[in-house]
Amino acid sequence: MKNTQANFRFCIEDDAPIATLEAVLAIARRLDLDLCSLRSHAIAGGLEVQLRLAAADEDGLTLCRMRLNNVVGILAVRVLPVAAAATPLATTYAYSAIPPYNSAHQHRQESV
């Protein structure tokens, strides 16, 4: 079970952001890390990426950070604090408790 997580934040230079991001994902795959989330948005100098990975132990995440620092096109990798882990059911079915718009609207009309 992979219960050790780390959040990485880094910028990718504007030269070849997609190829560099593919290299990042290849590093995670080769180290047998789970990709929990990936967020990116464009900035003036390229692409800012926030990446959350899970591993069986801390060593895999440390090695990943070291390898990311060696990738050409990636600027300083920062490790962000990881929020408290939610239960898998709560994260998987977060939106299932929200009724569709029409049924909620009908429910409000019936209660008035």
Protein backbone atom coordinates (compact mmCIF):
# COMPACT_ATOMS: atom_id res chain seq x y z
CA MET A 1 0.00 0.00 0.00
CA LYS A 2 1.35 3.40 -0.97
CA ASN A 3 0.55 5.68 1.95
CA THR A 4 3.47 8.13 1.85
CA GLN A 5 2.64 11.21 -0.23
CA ALA A 6 4.48 14.34 -1.34
CA ASN A 7 3.40 17.49 -3.16
CA PHE A 8 5.89 18.92 -5.63
CA ARG A 9 5.65 22.36 -7.19
CA PHE A 10 7.89 23.50 -10.00
CA CYS A 11 7.99 25.57 -13.15
CA ILE A 12 8.73 24.26 -16.62
CA GLU A 13 10.49 26.55 -19.07
CA ASP A 14 8.62 27.65 -22.17
CA ASP A 15 10.86 25.78 -24.65
CA ALA A 16 9.10 22.39 -24.70
CA PRO A 17 6.64 22.15 -21.80
CA ILE A 18 4.75 19.06 -23.00
CA ALA A 19 7.92 17.03 -23.62
CA THR A 20 9.27 18.06 -20.22
CA LEU A 21 6.01 17.11 -18.51
CA GLU A 22 6.14 13.72 -20.25
CA ALA A 23 9.66 13.25 -18.84
CA VAL A 24 8.33 14.06 -15.35
CA LEU A 25 5.58 11.47 -15.65
CA ALA A 26 8.07 8.91 -16.98
CA ILE A 27 10.23 9.41 -13.88
CA ALA A 28 7.22 8.82 -11.62
CA ARG A 29 6.24 5.70 -13.59
CA ARG A 30 9.75 4.20 -13.50
CA LEU A 31 9.91 4.71 -9.72
CA ASP A 32 6.52 2.97 -9.33
CA LEU A 33 4.89 6.06 -7.83
CA ASP A 34 1.15 6.66 -7.91
CA LEU A 35 -0.02 9.89 -9.50
CA CYS A 36 -2.61 11.32 -7.11
CA SER A 37 -3.10 14.69 -8.78
CA LEU A 38 -1.58 16.90 -11.43
CA ARG A 39 -2.42 20.56 -11.88
CA SER A 40 -0.82 22.95 -14.28
CA HIS A 41 -1.39 26.45 -15.52
CA ALA A 42 0.39 28.78 -17.87
CA ILE A 43 2.58 31.53 -16.48
CA ALA A 44 4.67 34.20 -18.18
CA GLY A 45 7.80 32.03 -18.43
CA GLY A 46 6.21 28.66 -19.21
CA LEU A 47 4.11 26.29 -17.13
CA GLU A 48 3.64 25.94 -13.38
CA VAL A 49 2.98 22.39 -12.21
CA GLN A 50 1.70 21.02 -8.91
CA LEU A 51 2.14 17.28 -8.63
CA ARG A 52 1.05 14.97 -5.81
CA LEU A 53 2.63 11.51 -5.76
CA ALA A 54 2.27 8.51 -3.45
CA ALA A 55 4.89 5.90 -2.68
CA ALA A 56 5.37 2.91 -0.41
CA ASP A 57 8.15 4.71 1.45
CA GLU A 58 9.87 8.09 1.67
CA ASP A 59 12.92 6.97 -0.34
CA GLY A 60 11.01 6.79 -3.62
CA LEU A 61 9.72 10.34 -3.22
CA THR A 62 13.18 11.64 -2.31
CA LEU A 63 14.70 9.96 -5.36
CA CYS A 64 11.91 11.40 -7.53
CA ARG A 65 12.64 14.93 -6.30
CA MET A 66 16.34 14.47 -6.96
CA ARG A 67 15.67 13.23 -10.50
CA LEU A 68 13.24 16.06 -11.18
CA ASN A 69 15.93 18.57 -10.21
CA ASN A 70 18.16 17.04 -12.91
CA VAL A 71 15.64 17.34 -15.76
CA VAL A 72 16.56 20.05 -18.26
CA GLY A 73 13.78 22.65 -18.39
CA ILE A 74 12.55 22.27 -14.81
CA LEU A 75 13.25 25.10 -12.42
CA ALA A 76 13.60 24.63 -8.64
CA VAL A 77 11.41 21.80 -7.31
CA ARG A 78 9.69 22.69 -4.05
CA VAL A 79 8.11 20.20 -1.69
CA LEU A 80 4.80 21.43 -0.27
CA PRO A 81 3.12 20.09 2.88
CA VAL A 82 0.60 17.31 2.33
CA ALA A 83 -2.90 17.88 3.71
CA ALA A 84 -4.44 15.25 5.95
CA ALA A 85 -5.47 12.26 3.90
CA ALA A 86 -9.21 11.80 3.50
CA THR A 87 -10.83 8.40 3.42
CA PRO A 88 -10.82 6.87 -0.06
CA LEU A 89 -14.62 6.66 -0.12
CA ALA A 90 -15.02 10.34 0.66
CA THR A 91 -12.65 11.37 -2.10
CA THR A 92 -13.99 8.93 -4.68
CA TYR A 93 -17.65 9.74 -4.19
CA ALA A 94 -17.40 13.40 -3.25
CA TYR A 95 -19.93 14.53 -5.84
CA SER A 96 -22.39 11.65 -5.55
CA ALA A 97 -24.21 13.30 -2.64
CA ILE A 98 -24.95 16.44 -4.65
CA PRO A 99 -28.30 16.08 -6.44
CA PRO A 100 -28.58 17.11 -10.08
CA TYR A 101 -29.64 20.70 -10.64
CA ASN A 102 -33.18 19.87 -11.78
CA SER A 103 -34.05 17.63 -8.83
CA ALA A 104 -32.69 20.16 -6.32
CA HIS A 105 -34.65 22.91 -8.04
CA GLN A 106 -37.83 20.79 -7.97
CA HIS A 107 -37.25 19.96 -4.33
CA ARG A 108 -37.04 23.66 -3.44
CA GLN A 109 -40.22 24.37 -5.39
CA GLU A 110 -42.11 21.57 -3.59
CA SER A 111 -40.99 22.71 -0.13
CA VAL A 112 -42.22 26.29 -0.65
